[in-house]
Amino acid sequence: MLASGTQCRTLMIGLDAAGKTTILYKMRVDENHEAVPIGGPRRPPIELAVEEVSCRNMNLTVCDLGGQTRIDALRRYNYLQGTDLVIFVVDSADRDRIEEAAKELHAVFQAEELPGAQLLVYANKQDIPNAMSGTEVANKLRLSELGKCRNWHVQPLVAVRGDGLFEGLDWAAGIMAKR
């Protein structure tokens, strides 16, 4: 586990309606369901919410990128620079858009501004019948193509209940502690 107060600049992205805002809300609530925000939303000229969240011994600066905003906007407003962790949220029940999600993910990780960023994929909406498993999501996103120097993990998630949220953050904390 990380030392208390360890900083981790985190970019949370994914297609629209994948569950990013729900996840951000759940991150702002600790295990006792008490809000623990250490900052507030600030909105730049792109669809982006920036929150400072203390969770799992990490101080996360989480940029929740709206689903319609693309990589060029991230570059223009310098949100890629210094990112330690990318959280990519996928709607596991939306098989029609998984290829679109894969293209977005690979476009982000081709950016030269993310040389050491690690990847946590939340395979959200696992409570919906016929949702893709974590393994299927990993295969459809072609995560093995990201290279051996980048750590990645797929965490099954039901964001509305928080099921799997902290397990994913625990993985991220472990990876950040090894840096």
Foldseek 3Di string as FASTA:
>chain_A
DDAAAAEAEEEEAEAAPLCLVLLVVVQQAAPVRDGDWPDAFDDDPAQWTWTFGGHPRYGYGYIYHHNVDAPVVCVVVVSLAPHAEYEYGGAQVCPVCLLVRLVRVVVNLVDPRNPRHAYEYEHEDPVDPPGDDQVRSCVSSVVVVSDPNHHYDYFYYHSNVGVRSVVSVVVVSVVVRVD
